Amino acid sequence: MKLFQLMVEHPVEDESVDWTKIEP
């Protein structure tokens, strides 16, 4: 299994979101 972290630019409205607390 090979795992990679993608580096993508997010829209400005996504910068205020705490992605660690989002529920699937």
mmCIF file of all heavy atoms, coordinates in Angstrom:
data_MODEL
# 
_entry.id   MODEL 
# 
loop_
_atom_site.group_PDB 
_atom_site.id 
_atom_site.type_symbol 
_atom_site.label_atom_id 
_atom_site.label_alt_id 
_atom_site.label_comp_id 
_atom_site.label_asym_id 
_atom_site.label_entity_id 
_atom_site.label_seq_id 
_atom_site.pdbx_PDB_ins_code 
_atom_site.Cartn_x 
_atom_site.Cartn_y 
_atom_site.Cartn_z 
_atom_site.occupancy 
_atom_site.B_iso_or_equiv 
_atom_site.pdbx_formal_charge 
_atom_site.auth_seq_id 
_atom_site.auth_comp_id 
_atom_site.auth_asym_id 
_atom_site.auth_atom_id 
_atom_site.pdbx_PDB_model_num 
ATOM 1   N N   . MET A 1 1  ? 0.873   -1.170 0.000  1.00 0.00 ? 1  MET A N   1 
ATOM 2   C CA  . MET A 1 1  ? 0.000   0.000  0.000  1.00 0.00 ? 1  MET A CA  1 
ATOM 3   C C   . MET A 1 1  ? 0.911   1.222  0.000  1.00 0.00 ? 1  MET A C   1 
ATOM 4   O O   . MET A 1 1  ? 1.841   1.304  0.798  1.00 0.00 ? 1  MET A O   1 
ATOM 5   C CB  . MET A 1 1  ? -0.899  0.019  1.241  1.00 0.00 ? 1  MET A CB  1 
ATOM 6   C CG  . MET A 1 1  ? -1.938  -1.065 1.222  1.00 0.00 ? 1  MET A CG  1 
ATOM 7   S SD  . MET A 1 1  ? -2.923  -1.252 2.736  1.00 0.00 ? 1  MET A SD  1 
ATOM 8   C CE  . MET A 1 1  ? -3.468  0.356  3.101  1.00 0.00 ? 1  MET A CE  1 
ATOM 9   N N   . LYS A 1 2  ? 0.642   2.132  -0.900 1.00 0.00 ? 2  LYS A N   1 
ATOM 10  C CA  . LYS A 1 2  ? 1.401   3.372  -0.954 1.00 0.00 ? 2  LYS A CA  1 
ATOM 11  C C   . LYS A 1 2  ? 0.438   4.515  -0.694 1.00 0.00 ? 2  LYS A C   1 
ATOM 12  O O   . LYS A 1 2  ? -0.583  4.642  -1.362 1.00 0.00 ? 2  LYS A O   1 
ATOM 13  C CB  . LYS A 1 2  ? 2.064   3.544  -2.320 1.00 0.00 ? 2  LYS A CB  1 
ATOM 14  C CG  . LYS A 1 2  ? 3.090   2.478  -2.635 1.00 0.00 ? 2  LYS A CG  1 
ATOM 15  C CD  . LYS A 1 2  ? 3.676   2.691  -4.016 1.00 0.00 ? 2  LYS A CD  1 
ATOM 16  C CE  . LYS A 1 2  ? 4.650   1.574  -4.336 1.00 0.00 ? 2  LYS A CE  1 
ATOM 17  N NZ  . LYS A 1 2  ? 5.220   1.728  -5.671 1.00 0.00 ? 2  LYS A NZ  1 
ATOM 18  N N   . LEU A 1 3  ? 0.754   5.335  0.265  1.00 0.00 ? 3  LEU A N   1 
ATOM 19  C CA  . LEU A 1 3  ? -0.096  6.465  0.631  1.00 0.00 ? 3  LEU A CA  1 
ATOM 20  C C   . LEU A 1 3  ? 0.656   7.761  0.350  1.00 0.00 ? 3  LEU A C   1 
ATOM 21  O O   . LEU A 1 3  ? 1.834   7.890  0.680  1.00 0.00 ? 3  LEU A O   1 
ATOM 22  C CB  . LEU A 1 3  ? -0.479  6.394  2.102  1.00 0.00 ? 3  LEU A CB  1 
ATOM 23  C CG  . LEU A 1 3  ? -1.168  5.086  2.541  1.00 0.00 ? 3  LEU A CG  1 
ATOM 24  C CD1 . LEU A 1 3  ? -1.362  5.080  4.038  1.00 0.00 ? 3  LEU A CD1 1 
ATOM 25  C CD2 . LEU A 1 3  ? -2.482  4.914  1.822  1.00 0.00 ? 3  LEU A CD2 1 
ATOM 26  N N   . PHE A 1 4  ? -0.045  8.713  -0.238 1.00 0.00 ? 4  PHE A N   1 
ATOM 27  C CA  . PHE A 1 4  ? 0.542   10.002 -0.555 1.00 0.00 ? 4  PHE A CA  1 
ATOM 28  C C   . PHE A 1 4  ? -0.381  11.104 -0.060 1.00 0.00 ? 4  PHE A C   1 
ATOM 29  O O   . PHE A 1 4  ? -1.601  10.959 -0.103 1.00 0.00 ? 4  PHE A O   1 
ATOM 30  C CB  . PHE A 1 4  ? 0.725   10.176 -2.078 1.00 0.00 ? 4  PHE A CB  1 
ATOM 31  C CG  . PHE A 1 4  ? 1.568   9.117  -2.714 1.00 0.00 ? 4  PHE A CG  1 
ATOM 32  C CD1 . PHE A 1 4  ? 0.994   8.008  -3.292 1.00 0.00 ? 4  PHE A CD1 1 
ATOM 33  C CD2 . PHE A 1 4  ? 2.951   9.239  -2.733 1.00 0.00 ? 4  PHE A CD2 1 
ATOM 34  C CE1 . PHE A 1 4  ? 1.760   7.028  -3.892 1.00 0.00 ? 4  PHE A CE1 1 
ATOM 35  C CE2 . PHE A 1 4  ? 3.738   8.268  -3.328 1.00 0.00 ? 4  PHE A CE2 1 
ATOM 36  C CZ  . PHE A 1 4  ? 3.144   7.160  -3.907 1.00 0.00 ? 4  PHE A CZ  1 
ATOM 37  N N   . GLN A 1 5  ? 0.207   12.187 0.389  1.00 0.00 ? 5  GLN A N   1 
ATOM 38  C CA  . GLN A 1 5  ? -0.589  13.358 0.753  1.00 0.00 ? 5  GLN A CA  1 
ATOM 39  C C   . GLN A 1 5  ? -0.560  14.297 -0.434 1.00 0.00 ? 5  GLN A C   1 
ATOM 40  O O   . GLN A 1 5  ? 0.512   14.724 -0.885 1.00 0.00 ? 5  GLN A O   1 
ATOM 41  C CB  . GLN A 1 5  ? -0.016  14.047 1.984  1.00 0.00 ? 5  GLN A CB  1 
ATOM 42  C CG  . GLN A 1 5  ? -0.819  15.257 2.389  1.00 0.00 ? 5  GLN A CG  1 
ATOM 43  C CD  . GLN A 1 5  ? -0.326  15.865 3.696  1.00 0.00 ? 5  GLN A CD  1 
ATOM 44  O OE1 . GLN A 1 5  ? 0.512   15.302 4.376  1.00 0.00 ? 5  GLN A OE1 1 
ATOM 45  N NE2 . GLN A 1 5  ? -0.850  17.018 4.017  1.00 0.00 ? 5  GLN A NE2 1 
ATOM 46  N N   . LEU A 1 6  ? -1.736  14.611 -0.959 1.00 0.00 ? 6  LEU A N   1 
ATOM 47  C CA  . LEU A 1 6  ? -1.831  15.503 -2.101 1.00 0.00 ? 6  LEU A CA  1 
ATOM 48  C C   . LEU A 1 6  ? -1.755  16.946 -1.633 1.00 0.00 ? 6  LEU A C   1 
ATOM 49  O O   . LEU A 1 6  ? -2.371  17.321 -0.638 1.00 0.00 ? 6  LEU A O   1 
ATOM 50  C CB  . LEU A 1 6  ? -3.152  15.277 -2.847 1.00 0.00 ? 6  LEU A CB  1 
ATOM 51  C CG  . LEU A 1 6  ? -3.381  13.882 -3.403 1.00 0.00 ? 6  LEU A CG  1 
ATOM 52  C CD1 . LEU A 1 6  ? -4.776  13.798 -4.023 1.00 0.00 ? 6  LEU A CD1 1 
ATOM 53  C CD2 . LEU A 1 6  ? -2.330  13.535 -4.427 1.00 0.00 ? 6  LEU A CD2 1 
ATOM 54  N N   . MET A 1 7  ? -1.018  17.735 -2.340 1.00 0.00 ? 7  MET A N   1 
ATOM 55  C CA  . MET A 1 7  ? -0.923  19.154 -2.030 1.00 0.00 ? 7  MET A CA  1 
ATOM 56  C C   . MET A 1 7  ? -1.777  19.909 -3.052 1.00 0.00 ? 7  MET A C   1 
ATOM 57  O O   . MET A 1 7  ? -1.393  20.041 -4.208 1.00 0.00 ? 7  MET A O   1 
ATOM 58  C CB  . MET A 1 7  ? 0.526   19.637 -2.093 1.00 0.00 ? 7  MET A CB  1 
ATOM 59  C CG  . MET A 1 7  ? 1.458   18.857 -1.161 1.00 0.00 ? 7  MET A CG  1 
ATOM 60  S SD  . MET A 1 7  ? 0.941   18.895 0.559  1.00 0.00 ? 7  MET A SD  1 
ATOM 61  C CE  . MET A 1 7  ? 1.488   20.495 1.045  1.00 0.00 ? 7  MET A CE  1 
ATOM 62  N N   . VAL A 1 8  ? -2.967  20.333 -2.626 1.00 0.00 ? 8  VAL A N   1 
ATOM 63  C CA  . VAL A 1 8  ? -3.876  21.059 -3.507 1.00 0.00 ? 8  VAL A CA  1 
ATOM 64  C C   . VAL A 1 8  ? -4.262  22.370 -2.840 1.00 0.00 ? 8  VAL A C   1 
ATOM 65  O O   . VAL A 1 8  ? -4.258  22.495 -1.617 1.00 0.00 ? 8  VAL A O   1 
ATOM 66  C CB  . VAL A 1 8  ? -5.150  20.233 -3.822 1.00 0.00 ? 8  VAL A CB  1 
ATOM 67  C CG1 . VAL A 1 8  ? -4.804  18.977 -4.602 1.00 0.00 ? 8  VAL A CG1 1 
ATOM 68  C CG2 . VAL A 1 8  ? -5.891  19.883 -2.571 1.00 0.00 ? 8  VAL A CG2 1 
ATOM 69  N N   . GLU A 1 9  ? -4.579  23.327 -3.658 1.00 0.00 ? 9  GLU A N   1 
ATOM 70  C CA  . GLU A 1 9  ? -5.030  24.606 -3.124 1.00 0.00 ? 9  GLU A CA  1 
ATOM 71  C C   . GLU A 1 9  ? -6.533  24.525 -2.877 1.00 0.00 ? 9  GLU A C   1 
ATOM 72  O O   . GLU A 1 9  ? -7.279  24.037 -3.714 1.00 0.00 ? 9  GLU A O   1 
ATOM 73  C CB  . GLU A 1 9  ? -4.719  25.732 -4.106 1.00 0.00 ? 9  GLU A CB  1 
ATOM 74  C CG  . GLU A 1 9  ? -3.238  25.999 -4.237 1.00 0.00 ? 9  GLU A CG  1 
ATOM 75  C CD  . GLU A 1 9  ? -2.969  27.227 -5.086 1.00 0.00 ? 9  GLU A CD  1 
ATOM 76  O OE1 . GLU A 1 9  ? -3.856  28.103 -5.171 1.00 0.00 ? 9  GLU A OE1 1 
ATOM 77  O OE2 . GLU A 1 9  ? -1.875  27.294 -5.648 1.00 0.00 ? 9  GLU A OE2 1 
ATOM 78  N N   . HIS A 1 10 ? -6.934  25.000 -1.708 1.00 0.00 ? 10 HIS A N   1 
ATOM 79  C CA  . HIS A 1 10 ? -8.347  24.997 -1.344 1.00 0.00 ? 10 HIS A CA  1 
ATOM 80  C C   . HIS A 1 10 ? -8.928  26.380 -1.552 1.00 0.00 ? 10 HIS A C   1 
ATOM 81  O O   . HIS A 1 10 ? -8.232  27.394 -1.437 1.00 0.00 ? 10 HIS A O   1 
ATOM 82  C CB  . HIS A 1 10 ? -8.514  24.582 0.130  1.00 0.00 ? 10 HIS A CB  1 
ATOM 83  C CG  . HIS A 1 10 ? -8.174  23.144 0.383  1.00 0.00 ? 10 HIS A CG  1 
ATOM 84  N ND1 . HIS A 1 10 ? -9.038  22.124 0.102  1.00 0.00 ? 10 HIS A ND1 1 
ATOM 85  C CD2 . HIS A 1 10 ? -7.056  22.565 0.890  1.00 0.00 ? 10 HIS A CD2 1 
ATOM 86  C CE1 . HIS A 1 10 ? -8.480  20.974 0.416  1.00 0.00 ? 10 HIS A CE1 1 
ATOM 87  N NE2 . HIS A 1 10 ? -7.271  21.213 0.898  1.00 0.00 ? 10 HIS A NE2 1 
ATOM 88  N N   . PRO A 1 11 ? -10.223 26.441 -1.837 1.00 0.00 ? 11 PRO A N   1 
ATOM 89  C CA  . PRO A 1 11 ? -10.883 27.742 -1.944 1.00 0.00 ? 11 PRO A CA  1 
ATOM 90  C C   . PRO A 1 11 ? -10.790 28.509 -0.620 1.00 0.00 ? 11 PRO A C   1 
ATOM 91  O O   . PRO A 1 11 ? -10.585 27.921 0.442  1.00 0.00 ? 11 PRO A O   1 
ATOM 92  C CB  . PRO A 1 11 ? -12.335 27.394 -2.264 1.00 0.00 ? 11 PRO A CB  1 
ATOM 93  C CG  . PRO A 1 11 ? -12.316 25.987 -2.755 1.00 0.00 ? 11 PRO A CG  1 
ATOM 94  C CD  . PRO A 1 11 ? -11.121 25.342 -2.137 1.00 0.00 ? 11 PRO A CD  1 
ATOM 95  N N   . VAL A 1 12 ? -10.959 29.819 -0.683 1.00 0.00 ? 12 VAL A N   1 
ATOM 96  C CA  . VAL A 1 12 ? -10.826 30.682 0.496  1.00 0.00 ? 12 VAL A CA  1 
ATOM 97  C C   . VAL A 1 12 ? -11.810 30.278 1.587  1.00 0.00 ? 12 VAL A C   1 
ATOM 98  O O   . VAL A 1 12 ? -11.457 30.275 2.768  1.00 0.00 ? 12 VAL A O   1 
ATOM 99  C CB  . VAL A 1 12 ? -11.044 32.162 0.093  1.00 0.00 ? 12 VAL A CB  1 
ATOM 100 C CG1 . VAL A 1 12 ? -10.989 33.070 1.306  1.00 0.00 ? 12 VAL A CG1 1 
ATOM 101 C CG2 . VAL A 1 12 ? -10.019 32.570 -0.943 1.00 0.00 ? 12 VAL A CG2 1 
ATOM 102 N N   . GLU A 1 13 ? -13.043 29.886 1.232  1.00 0.00 ? 13 GLU A N   1 
ATOM 103 C CA  . GLU A 1 13 ? -14.037 29.526 2.251  1.00 0.00 ? 13 GLU A CA  1 
ATOM 104 C C   . GLU A 1 13 ? -13.652 28.253 2.994  1.00 0.00 ? 13 GLU A C   1 
ATOM 105 O O   . GLU A 1 13 ? -14.101 28.020 4.112  1.00 0.00 ? 13 GLU A O   1 
ATOM 106 C CB  . GLU A 1 13 ? -15.435 29.379 1.646  1.00 0.00 ? 13 GLU A CB  1 
ATOM 107 C CG  . GLU A 1 13 ? -15.571 28.336 0.565  1.00 0.00 ? 13 GLU A CG  1 
ATOM 108 C CD  . GLU A 1 13 ? -15.354 28.885 -0.845 1.00 0.00 ? 13 GLU A CD  1 
ATOM 109 O OE1 . GLU A 1 13 ? -14.977 30.056 -1.002 1.00 0.00 ? 13 GLU A OE1 1 
ATOM 110 O OE2 . GLU A 1 13 ? -15.541 28.110 -1.786 1.00 0.00 ? 13 GLU A OE2 1 
ATOM 111 N N   . ASP A 1 14 ? -12.819 27.406 2.418  1.00 0.00 ? 14 ASP A N   1 
ATOM 112 C CA  . ASP A 1 14 ? -12.382 26.176 3.088  1.00 0.00 ? 14 ASP A CA  1 
ATOM 113 C C   . ASP A 1 14 ? -11.262 26.418 4.094  1.00 0.00 ? 14 ASP A C   1 
ATOM 114 O O   . ASP A 1 14 ? -10.972 25.566 4.924  1.00 0.00 ? 14 ASP A O   1 
ATOM 115 C CB  . ASP A 1 14 ? -11.910 25.131 2.070  1.00 0.00 ? 14 ASP A CB  1 
ATOM 116 C CG  . ASP A 1 14 ? -13.062 24.504 1.310  1.00 0.00 ? 14 ASP A CG  1 
ATOM 117 O OD1 . ASP A 1 14 ? -14.222 24.772 1.677  1.00 0.00 ? 14 ASP A OD1 1 
ATOM 118 O OD2 . ASP A 1 14 ? -12.794 23.748 0.361  1.00 0.00 ? 14 ASP A OD2 1 
ATOM 119 N N   . GLU A 1 15 ? -10.616 27.592 4.066  1.00 0.00 ? 15 GLU A N   1 
ATOM 120 C CA  . GLU A 1 15 ? -9.503  27.861 4.978  1.00 0.00 ? 15 GLU A CA  1 
ATOM 121 C C   . GLU A 1 15 ? -9.963  28.006 6.420  1.00 0.00 ? 15 GLU A C   1 
ATOM 122 O O   . GLU A 1 15 ? -9.205  27.746 7.344  1.00 0.00 ? 15 GLU A O   1 
ATOM 123 C CB  . GLU A 1 15 ? -8.754  29.117 4.528  1.00 0.00 ? 15 GLU A CB  1 
ATOM 124 C CG  . GLU A 1 15 ? -7.977  28.895 3.243  1.00 0.00 ? 15 GLU A CG  1 
ATOM 125 C CD  . GLU A 1 15 ? -7.221  30.138 2.807  1.00 0.00 ? 15 GLU A CD  1 
ATOM 126 O OE1 . GLU A 1 15 ? -7.073  31.074 3.625  1.00 0.00 ? 15 GLU A OE1 1 
ATOM 127 O OE2 . GLU A 1 15 ? -6.769  30.158 1.659  1.00 0.00 ? 15 GLU A OE2 1 
ATOM 128 N N   . SER A 1 16 ? -11.209 28.402 6.637  1.00 0.00 ? 16 SER A N   1 
ATOM 129 C CA  . SER A 1 16 ? -11.718 28.580 7.997  1.00 0.00 ? 16 SER A CA  1 
ATOM 130 C C   . SER A 1 16 ? -12.244 27.280 8.603  1.00 0.00 ? 16 SER A C   1 
ATOM 131 O O   . SER A 1 16 ? -12.589 27.240 9.775  1.00 0.00 ? 16 SER A O   1 
ATOM 132 C CB  . SER A 1 16 ? -12.824 29.634 8.005  1.00 0.00 ? 16 SER A CB  1 
ATOM 133 O OG  . SER A 1 16 ? -13.911 29.184 7.220  1.00 0.00 ? 16 SER A OG  1 
ATOM 134 N N   . VAL A 1 17 ? -12.290 26.213 7.839  1.00 0.00 ? 17 VAL A N   1 
ATOM 135 C CA  . VAL A 1 17 ? -12.831 24.937 8.303  1.00 0.00 ? 17 VAL A CA  1 
ATOM 136 C C   . VAL A 1 17 ? -11.749 24.162 9.043  1.00 0.00 ? 17 VAL A C   1 
ATOM 137 O O   . VAL A 1 17 ? -10.608 24.061 8.595  1.00 0.00 ? 17 VAL A O   1 
ATOM 138 C CB  . VAL A 1 17 ? -13.352 24.100 7.108  1.00 0.00 ? 17 VAL A CB  1 
ATOM 139 C CG1 . VAL A 1 17 ? -13.827 22.740 7.564  1.00 0.00 ? 17 VAL A CG1 1 
ATOM 140 C CG2 . VAL A 1 17 ? -14.448 24.848 6.380  1.00 0.00 ? 17 VAL A CG2 1 
ATOM 141 N N   . ASP A 1 18 ? -12.116 23.632 10.215 1.00 0.00 ? 18 ASP A N   1 
ATOM 142 C CA  . ASP A 1 18 ? -11.199 22.765 10.960 1.00 0.00 ? 18 ASP A CA  1 
ATOM 143 C C   . ASP A 1 18 ? -11.420 21.336 10.464 1.00 0.00 ? 18 ASP A C   1 
ATOM 144 O O   . ASP A 1 18 ? -12.339 20.641 10.889 1.00 0.00 ? 18 ASP A O   1 
ATOM 145 C CB  . ASP A 1 18 ? -11.473 22.860 12.464 1.00 0.00 ? 18 ASP A CB  1 
ATOM 146 C CG  . ASP A 1 18 ? -10.472 22.055 13.285 1.00 0.00 ? 18 ASP A CG  1 
ATOM 147 O OD1 . ASP A 1 18 ? -9.555  21.443 12.682 1.00 0.00 ? 18 ASP A OD1 1 
ATOM 148 O OD2 . ASP A 1 18 ? -10.608 22.029 14.517 1.00 0.00 ? 18 ASP A OD2 1 
ATOM 149 N N   . TRP A 1 19 ? -10.571 20.871 9.555  1.00 0.00 ? 19 TRP A N   1 
ATOM 150 C CA  . TRP A 1 19 ? -10.748 19.581 8.889  1.00 0.00 ? 19 TRP A CA  1 
ATOM 151 C C   . TRP A 1 19 ? -10.554 18.396 9.817  1.00 0.00 ? 19 TRP A C   1 
ATOM 152 O O   . TRP A 1 19 ? -10.911 17.280 9.481  1.00 0.00 ? 19 TRP A O   1 
ATOM 153 C CB  . TRP A 1 19 ? -9.798  19.476 7.690  1.00 0.00 ? 19 TRP A CB  1 
ATOM 154 C CG  . TRP A 1 19 ? -10.213 20.388 6.585  1.00 0.00 ? 19 TRP A CG  1 
ATOM 155 C CD1 . TRP A 1 19 ? -9.750  21.644 6.344  1.00 0.00 ? 19 TRP A CD1 1 
ATOM 156 C CD2 . TRP A 1 19 ? -11.207 20.141 5.602  1.00 0.00 ? 19 TRP A CD2 1 
ATOM 157 N NE1 . TRP A 1 19 ? -10.387 22.204 5.271  1.00 0.00 ? 19 TRP A NE1 1 
ATOM 158 C CE2 . TRP A 1 19 ? -11.285 21.291 4.793  1.00 0.00 ? 19 TRP A CE2 1 
ATOM 159 C CE3 . TRP A 1 19 ? -12.043 19.067 5.321  1.00 0.00 ? 19 TRP A CE3 1 
ATOM 160 C CZ2 . TRP A 1 19 ? -12.171 21.397 3.717  1.00 0.00 ? 19 TRP A CZ2 1 
ATOM 161 C CZ3 . TRP A 1 19 ? -12.904 19.165 4.252  1.00 0.00 ? 19 TRP A CZ3 1 
ATOM 162 C CH2 . TRP A 1 19 ? -12.966 20.308 3.464  1.00 0.00 ? 19 TRP A CH2 1 
ATOM 163 N N   . THR A 1 20 ? -10.004 18.616 11.006 1.00 0.00 ? 20 THR A N   1 
ATOM 164 C CA  . THR A 1 20 ? -9.826  17.512 11.954 1.00 0.00 ? 20 THR A CA  1 
ATOM 165 C C   . THR A 1 20 ? -11.128 17.198 12.684 1.00 0.00 ? 20 THR A C   1 
ATOM 166 O O   . THR A 1 20 ? -11.263 16.132 13.270 1.00 0.00 ? 20 THR A O   1 
ATOM 167 C CB  . THR A 1 20 ? -8.733  17.829 12.980 1.00 0.00 ? 20 THR A CB  1 
ATOM 168 O OG1 . THR A 1 20 ? -9.108  18.999 13.716 1.00 0.00 ? 20 THR A OG1 1 
ATOM 169 C CG2 . THR A 1 20 ? -7.398  18.031 12.300 1.00 0.00 ? 20 THR A CG2 1 
ATOM 170 N N   . LYS A 1 21 ? -12.097 18.125 12.663 1.00 0.00 ? 21 LYS A N   1 
ATOM 171 C CA  . LYS A 1 21 ? -13.337 17.930 13.409 1.00 0.00 ? 21 LYS A CA  1 
ATOM 172 C C   . LYS A 1 21 ? -14.547 17.670 12.517 1.00 0.00 ? 21 LYS A C   1 
ATOM 173 O O   . LYS A 1 21 ? -15.665 17.609 12.996 1.00 0.00 ? 21 LYS A O   1 
ATOM 174 C CB  . LYS A 1 21 ? -13.591 19.151 14.295 1.00 0.00 ? 21 LYS A CB  1 
ATOM 175 C CG  . LYS A 1 21 ? -12.525 19.289 15.353 1.00 0.00 ? 21 LYS A CG  1 
ATOM 176 C CD  . LYS A 1 21 ? -12.824 20.389 16.314 1.00 0.00 ? 21 LYS A CD  1 
ATOM 177 C CE  . LYS A 1 21 ? -11.723 20.375 17.367 1.00 0.00 ? 21 LYS A CE  1 
ATOM 178 N NZ  . LYS A 1 21 ? -11.616 21.568 18.095 1.00 0.00 ? 21 LYS A NZ  1 
ATOM 179 N N   . ILE A 1 22 ? -14.318 17.501 11.246 1.00 0.00 ? 22 ILE A N   1 
ATOM 180 C CA  . ILE A 1 22 ? -15.427 17.212 10.331 1.00 0.00 ? 22 ILE A CA  1 
ATOM 181 C C   . ILE A 1 22 ? -15.848 15.765 10.521 1.00 0.00 ? 22 ILE A C   1 
ATOM 182 O O   . ILE A 1 22 ? -15.025 14.878 10.644 1.00 0.00 ? 22 ILE A O   1 
ATOM 183 C CB  . ILE A 1 22 ? -14.999 17.461 8.878  1.00 0.00 ? 22 ILE A CB  1 
ATOM 184 C CG1 . ILE A 1 22 ? -14.885 18.952 8.647  1.00 0.00 ? 22 ILE A CG1 1 
ATOM 185 C CG2 . ILE A 1 22 ? -15.971 16.829 7.900  1.00 0.00 ? 22 ILE A CG2 1 
ATOM 186 C CD1 . ILE A 1 22 ? -14.522 19.322 7.245  1.00 0.00 ? 22 ILE A CD1 1 
ATOM 187 N N   . GLU A 1 23 ? -17.155 15.543 10.531 1.00 0.00 ? 23 GLU A N   1 
ATOM 188 C CA  . GLU A 1 23 ? -17.674 14.187 10.625 1.00 0.00 ? 23 GLU A CA  1 
ATOM 189 C C   . GLU A 1 23 ? -17.813 13.616 9.211  1.00 0.00 ? 23 GLU A C   1 
ATOM 190 O O   . GLU A 1 23 ? -18.289 14.302 8.314  1.00 0.00 ? 23 GLU A O   1 
ATOM 191 C CB  . GLU A 1 23 ? -19.033 14.184 11.317 1.00 0.00 ? 23 GLU A CB  1 
ATOM 192 C CG  . GLU A 1 23 ? -19.514 12.802 11.614 1.00 0.00 ? 23 GLU A CG  1 
ATOM 193 C CD  . GLU A 1 23 ? -20.560 12.788 12.704 1.00 0.00 ? 23 GLU A CD  1 
ATOM 194 O OE1 . GLU A 1 23 ? -20.498 13.621 13.613 1.00 0.00 ? 23 GLU A OE1 1 
ATOM 195 O OE2 . GLU A 1 23 ? -21.438 11.924 12.618 1.00 0.00 ? 23 GLU A OE2 1 
ATOM 196 N N   . PRO A 1 24 ? -17.400 12.366 8.989  1.00 0.00 ? 24 PRO A N   1 
ATOM 197 C CA  . PRO A 1 24 ? -17.519 11.777 7.656  1.00 0.00 ? 24 PRO A CA  1 
ATOM 198 C C   . PRO A 1 24 ? -18.965 11.809 7.170  1.00 0.00 ? 24 PRO A C   1 
ATOM 199 O O   . PRO A 1 24 ? -19.877 11.389 7.881  1.00 0.00 ? 24 PRO A O   1 
ATOM 200 C CB  . PRO A 1 24 ? -17.049 10.336 7.855  1.00 0.00 ? 24 PRO A CB  1 
ATOM 201 C CG  . PRO A 1 24 ? -16.217 10.363 9.085  1.00 0.00 ? 24 PRO A CG  1 
ATOM 202 C CD  . PRO A 1 24 ? -16.787 11.436 9.948  1.00 0.00 ? 24 PRO A CD  1 
# 
